[in-house]
Amino acid sequence: MEEEQPKRGLAARLEEGRQTFQPRLWGQLLAIGIVALYAILFVVLNARGVKVSFVFTSTRVSLIWVILLSLGVGLVLGVLLSQLHRRRQGRR
């Protein structure tokens, strides 16, 4: 009878582990880790300096800053243009 006691305890702990395991949480953590690793590699691989020429001046900056600045400007212009389109459609 004493031998069955530890086995039930182990079975109960295994069942409790199955009930508390959250595959969706682990999947999300894995996805976040992959995205973070990709972002770190993206920054590291685009760290070399490039010459950026403006109309009146030029400067040297890291390529990642050029990419991020382009992304930001594109995002802002996209939002502004969508708002302009929405206003024009509302007037009709």
N, C-alpha and C. Protein backbone atom coordinates (compact mmCIF):
# COMPACT_ATOMS: atom_id res chain seq x y z
N MET A 1 0.82 -1.18 0.00
CA MET A 1 0.00 0.00 0.00
C MET A 1 0.87 1.25 0.00
N GLU A 2 2.01 1.17 0.64
CA GLU A 2 2.89 2.33 0.70
C GLU A 2 3.47 2.65 -0.67
N GLU A 3 3.63 1.65 -1.53
CA GLU A 3 4.18 1.87 -2.86
C GLU A 3 3.21 2.63 -3.75
N GLU A 4 1.92 2.46 -3.56
CA GLU A 4 0.93 3.14 -4.39
C GLU A 4 0.85 4.62 -4.08
N GLN A 5 1.15 5.01 -2.89
CA GLN A 5 1.07 6.41 -2.46
C GLN A 5 1.98 7.30 -3.31
N PRO A 6 3.29 6.97 -3.46
CA PRO A 6 4.15 7.82 -4.29
C PRO A 6 3.74 7.83 -5.75
N LYS A 7 3.22 6.73 -6.26
CA LYS A 7 2.79 6.68 -7.65
C LYS A 7 1.61 7.62 -7.87
N ARG A 8 0.66 7.62 -6.95
CA ARG A 8 -0.48 8.54 -7.09
C ARG A 8 0.00 9.98 -7.02
N GLY A 9 0.97 10.23 -6.18
CA GLY A 9 1.51 11.58 -6.07
C GLY A 9 2.16 12.02 -7.37
N LEU A 10 2.91 11.13 -8.00
CA LEU A 10 3.54 11.43 -9.27
C LEU A 10 2.50 11.62 -10.35
N ALA A 11 1.50 10.75 -10.39
CA ALA A 11 0.44 10.88 -11.39
C ALA A 11 -0.32 12.19 -11.21
N ALA A 12 -0.57 12.56 -9.97
CA ALA A 12 -1.26 13.81 -9.71
C ALA A 12 -0.43 15.00 -10.17
N ARG A 13 0.88 14.93 -9.94
CA ARG A 13 1.75 16.03 -10.38
C ARG A 13 1.83 16.10 -11.90
N LEU A 14 1.87 14.95 -12.57
CA LEU A 14 1.88 14.95 -14.03
C LEU A 14 0.59 15.52 -14.59
N GLU A 15 -0.53 15.15 -14.00
CA GLU A 15 -1.82 15.67 -14.44
C GLU A 15 -1.90 17.18 -14.22
N GLU A 16 -1.38 17.63 -13.08
CA GLU A 16 -1.37 19.06 -12.79
C GLU A 16 -0.50 19.80 -13.82
N GLY A 17 0.62 19.19 -14.20
CA GLY A 17 1.49 19.78 -15.22
C GLY A 17 0.80 19.88 -16.56
N ARG A 18 0.02 18.86 -16.91
CA ARG A 18 -0.73 18.91 -18.17
C ARG A 18 -1.79 20.00 -18.16
N GLN A 19 -2.39 20.21 -17.01
CA GLN A 19 -3.44 21.22 -16.91
C GLN A 19 -2.87 22.64 -16.93
N THR A 20 -1.65 22.83 -16.43
CA THR A 20 -1.08 24.17 -16.37
C THR A 20 -0.24 24.50 -17.59
N PHE A 21 0.09 23.53 -18.44
CA PHE A 21 0.86 23.79 -19.66
C PHE A 21 0.01 24.62 -20.61
N GLN A 22 0.58 25.72 -21.10
CA GLN A 22 -0.15 26.63 -21.97
C GLN A 22 0.56 26.73 -23.31
N PRO A 23 0.17 25.91 -24.28
CA PRO A 23 0.87 25.91 -25.57
C PRO A 23 0.76 27.25 -26.30
N ARG A 24 -0.36 27.94 -26.15
CA ARG A 24 -0.51 29.23 -26.83
C ARG A 24 0.50 30.25 -26.29
N LEU A 25 0.69 30.26 -24.98
CA LEU A 25 1.67 31.15 -24.36
C LEU A 25 3.07 30.84 -24.87
N TRP A 26 3.44 29.57 -24.90
CA TRP A 26 4.76 29.19 -25.37
C TRP A 26 4.92 29.51 -26.85
N GLY A 27 3.88 29.36 -27.62
CA GLY A 27 3.94 29.72 -29.04
C GLY A 27 4.16 31.22 -29.23
N GLN A 28 3.46 32.02 -28.43
CA GLN A 28 3.64 33.47 -28.50
C GLN A 28 5.04 33.88 -28.08
N LEU A 29 5.54 33.26 -27.01
CA LEU A 29 6.91 33.56 -26.57
C LEU A 29 7.94 33.18 -27.64
N LEU A 30 7.73 32.07 -28.29
CA LEU A 30 8.62 31.64 -29.36
C LEU A 30 8.56 32.63 -30.52
N ALA A 31 7.37 33.05 -30.90
CA ALA A 31 7.22 34.02 -32.00
C ALA A 31 7.88 35.35 -31.65
N ILE A 32 7.71 35.82 -30.42
CA ILE A 32 8.34 37.07 -30.00
C ILE A 32 9.86 36.92 -30.03
N GLY A 33 10.36 35.79 -29.59
CA GLY A 33 11.80 35.55 -29.62
C GLY A 33 12.36 35.55 -31.04
N ILE A 34 11.64 34.94 -31.96
CA ILE A 34 12.08 34.91 -33.36
C ILE A 34 12.07 36.31 -33.95
N VAL A 35 11.02 37.08 -33.69
CA VAL A 35 10.96 38.46 -34.20
C VAL A 35 12.07 39.31 -33.59
N ALA A 36 12.34 39.15 -32.30
CA ALA A 36 13.41 39.91 -31.65
C ALA A 36 14.77 39.54 -32.24
N LEU A 37 15.01 38.26 -32.46
CA LEU A 37 16.26 37.82 -33.07
C LEU A 37 16.41 38.39 -34.47
N TYR A 38 15.32 38.37 -35.25
CA TYR A 38 15.35 38.94 -36.59
C TYR A 38 15.65 40.43 -36.54
N ALA A 39 15.04 41.15 -35.62
CA ALA A 39 15.27 42.60 -35.50
C ALA A 39 16.72 42.88 -35.13
N ILE A 40 17.27 42.11 -34.21
CA ILE A 40 18.67 42.30 -33.80
C ILE A 40 19.61 42.04 -34.98
N LEU A 41 19.37 40.96 -35.70
CA LEU A 41 20.20 40.66 -36.88
C LEU A 41 20.04 41.74 -37.94
N PHE A 42 18.83 42.25 -38.12
CA PHE A 42 18.57 43.30 -39.10
C PHE A 42 19.39 44.54 -38.78
N VAL A 43 19.42 44.92 -37.52
CA VAL A 43 20.19 46.10 -37.10
C VAL A 43 21.69 45.85 -37.26
N VAL A 44 22.17 44.70 -36.82
CA VAL A 44 23.60 44.40 -36.87
C VAL A 44 24.09 44.33 -38.32
N LEU A 45 23.31 43.71 -39.19
CA LEU A 45 23.75 43.55 -40.58
C LEU A 45 23.63 44.85 -41.37
N ASN A 46 22.87 45.83 -40.89
CA ASN A 46 22.73 47.10 -41.58
C ASN A 46 23.38 48.25 -40.81
N ALA A 47 24.46 47.95 -40.12
CA ALA A 47 25.12 48.94 -39.28
C ALA A 47 26.20 49.74 -40.02
N ARG A 48 26.55 49.34 -41.22
CA ARG A 48 27.63 50.07 -41.91
C ARG A 48 27.19 51.48 -42.28
N GLY A 49 28.14 52.36 -42.40
CA GLY A 49 27.84 53.76 -42.71
C GLY A 49 27.59 53.98 -44.19
N VAL A 50 26.66 54.84 -44.50
CA VAL A 50 26.38 55.21 -45.89
C VAL A 50 26.30 56.73 -45.99
N LYS A 51 26.55 57.24 -47.18
CA LYS A 51 26.47 58.68 -47.40
C LYS A 51 25.05 59.01 -47.85
N VAL A 52 24.43 59.95 -47.16
CA VAL A 52 23.08 60.39 -47.50
C VAL A 52 23.19 61.82 -48.03
N SER A 53 22.75 62.03 -49.25
CA SER A 53 22.82 63.36 -49.86
C SER A 53 21.45 64.02 -49.82
N PHE A 54 21.39 65.18 -49.19
CA PHE A 54 20.19 66.00 -49.19
C PHE A 54 20.38 67.05 -50.27
N VAL A 55 19.45 67.96 -50.43
CA VAL A 55 19.54 68.95 -51.49
C VAL A 55 20.75 69.87 -51.29
N PHE A 56 20.95 70.37 -50.08
CA PHE A 56 22.00 71.34 -49.84
C PHE A 56 23.20 70.79 -49.07
N THR A 57 23.09 69.60 -48.55
CA THR A 57 24.17 69.04 -47.74
C THR A 57 24.16 67.53 -47.85
N SER A 58 25.20 66.91 -47.30
CA SER A 58 25.24 65.45 -47.24
C SER A 58 25.88 65.06 -45.91
N THR A 59 25.61 63.85 -45.50
CA THR A 59 26.14 63.36 -44.23
C THR A 59 26.31 61.85 -44.31
N ARG A 60 27.04 61.30 -43.36
CA ARG A 60 27.22 59.85 -43.28
C ARG A 60 26.49 59.36 -42.02
N VAL A 61 25.64 58.38 -42.20
CA VAL A 61 24.92 57.78 -41.08
C VAL A 61 24.88 56.28 -41.27
N SER A 62 24.50 55.59 -40.24
CA SER A 62 24.35 54.14 -40.31
C SER A 62 23.15 53.80 -41.19
N LEU A 63 23.30 52.77 -41.97
CA LEU A 63 22.23 52.37 -42.90
C LEU A 63 20.92 52.09 -42.19
N ILE A 64 20.96 51.54 -40.98
CA ILE A 64 19.73 51.23 -40.26
C ILE A 64 18.92 52.49 -39.99
N TRP A 65 19.60 53.63 -39.73
CA TRP A 65 18.87 54.88 -39.49
C TRP A 65 18.19 55.37 -40.76
N VAL A 66 18.83 55.15 -41.90
CA VAL A 66 18.21 55.52 -43.18
C VAL A 66 16.96 54.67 -43.41
N ILE A 67 17.07 53.39 -43.13
CA ILE A 67 15.93 52.49 -43.30
C ILE A 67 14.80 52.88 -42.36
N LEU A 68 15.10 53.12 -41.09
CA LEU A 68 14.07 53.48 -40.11
C LEU A 68 13.45 54.83 -40.42
N LEU A 69 14.26 55.81 -40.86
CA LEU A 69 13.72 57.11 -41.24
C LEU A 69 12.78 56.98 -42.44
N SER A 70 13.18 56.19 -43.42
CA SER A 70 12.31 55.95 -44.59
C SER A 70 11.01 55.27 -44.18
N LEU A 71 11.10 54.33 -43.28
CA LEU A 71 9.89 53.65 -42.78
C LEU A 71 8.97 54.64 -42.08
N GLY A 72 9.55 55.49 -41.23
CA GLY A 72 8.75 56.49 -40.50
C GLY A 72 8.09 57.49 -41.43
N VAL A 73 8.85 58.02 -42.39
CA VAL A 73 8.29 58.98 -43.33
C VAL A 73 7.19 58.32 -44.16
N GLY A 74 7.41 57.11 -44.61
CA GLY A 74 6.39 56.40 -45.38
C GLY A 74 5.14 56.15 -44.57
N LEU A 75 5.29 55.81 -43.32
CA LEU A 75 4.14 55.58 -42.45
C LEU A 75 3.33 56.86 -42.25
N VAL A 76 4.02 57.95 -41.96
CA VAL A 76 3.33 59.23 -41.76
C VAL A 76 2.63 59.68 -43.04
N LEU A 77 3.30 59.59 -44.18
CA LEU A 77 2.68 59.98 -45.44
C LEU A 77 1.48 59.08 -45.78
N GLY A 78 1.59 57.81 -45.49
CA GLY A 78 0.47 56.90 -45.74
C GLY A 78 -0.75 57.26 -44.91
N VAL A 79 -0.55 57.59 -43.63
CA VAL A 79 -1.66 57.98 -42.75
C VAL A 79 -2.27 59.29 -43.23
N LEU A 80 -1.42 60.26 -43.57
CA LEU A 80 -1.93 61.55 -44.04
C LEU A 80 -2.71 61.41 -45.34
N LEU A 81 -2.20 60.63 -46.26
CA LEU A 81 -2.91 60.43 -47.53
C LEU A 81 -4.22 59.68 -47.34
N SER A 82 -4.26 58.73 -46.42
CA SER A 82 -5.51 58.02 -46.19
C SER A 82 -6.55 58.96 -45.56
N GLN A 83 -6.12 59.87 -44.69
CA GLN A 83 -7.04 60.84 -44.10
C GLN A 83 -7.54 61.81 -45.16
N LEU A 84 -6.67 62.23 -46.07
CA LEU A 84 -7.08 63.12 -47.16
C LEU A 84 -8.10 62.41 -48.05
N HIS A 85 -7.85 61.17 -48.36
CA HIS A 85 -8.79 60.39 -49.19
C HIS A 85 -10.13 60.24 -48.49
N ARG A 86 -10.11 59.98 -47.19
CA ARG A 86 -11.34 59.82 -46.42
C ARG A 86 -12.15 61.13 -46.43
N ARG A 87 -11.47 62.26 -46.27
CA ARG A 87 -12.18 63.54 -46.28
C ARG A 87 -12.81 63.83 -47.64
N ARG A 88 -12.08 63.50 -48.70
CA ARG A 88 -12.62 63.72 -50.05
C ARG A 88 -13.82 62.82 -50.31
N GLN A 89 -13.78 61.60 -49.84
CA GLN A 89 -14.91 60.68 -50.03
C GLN A 89 -16.11 61.14 -49.22
N GLY A 90 -15.88 61.76 -48.07
CA GLY A 90 -16.97 62.23 -47.22
C GLY A 90 -17.71 63.42 -47.81
N ARG A 91 -17.07 64.20 -48.63
CA ARG A 91 -17.69 65.37 -49.24
C ARG A 91 -18.62 65.01 -50.39
N ARG A 92 -18.48 63.87 -50.97
CA ARG A 92 -19.29 63.48 -52.14
C ARG A 92 -20.68 63.11 -51.75
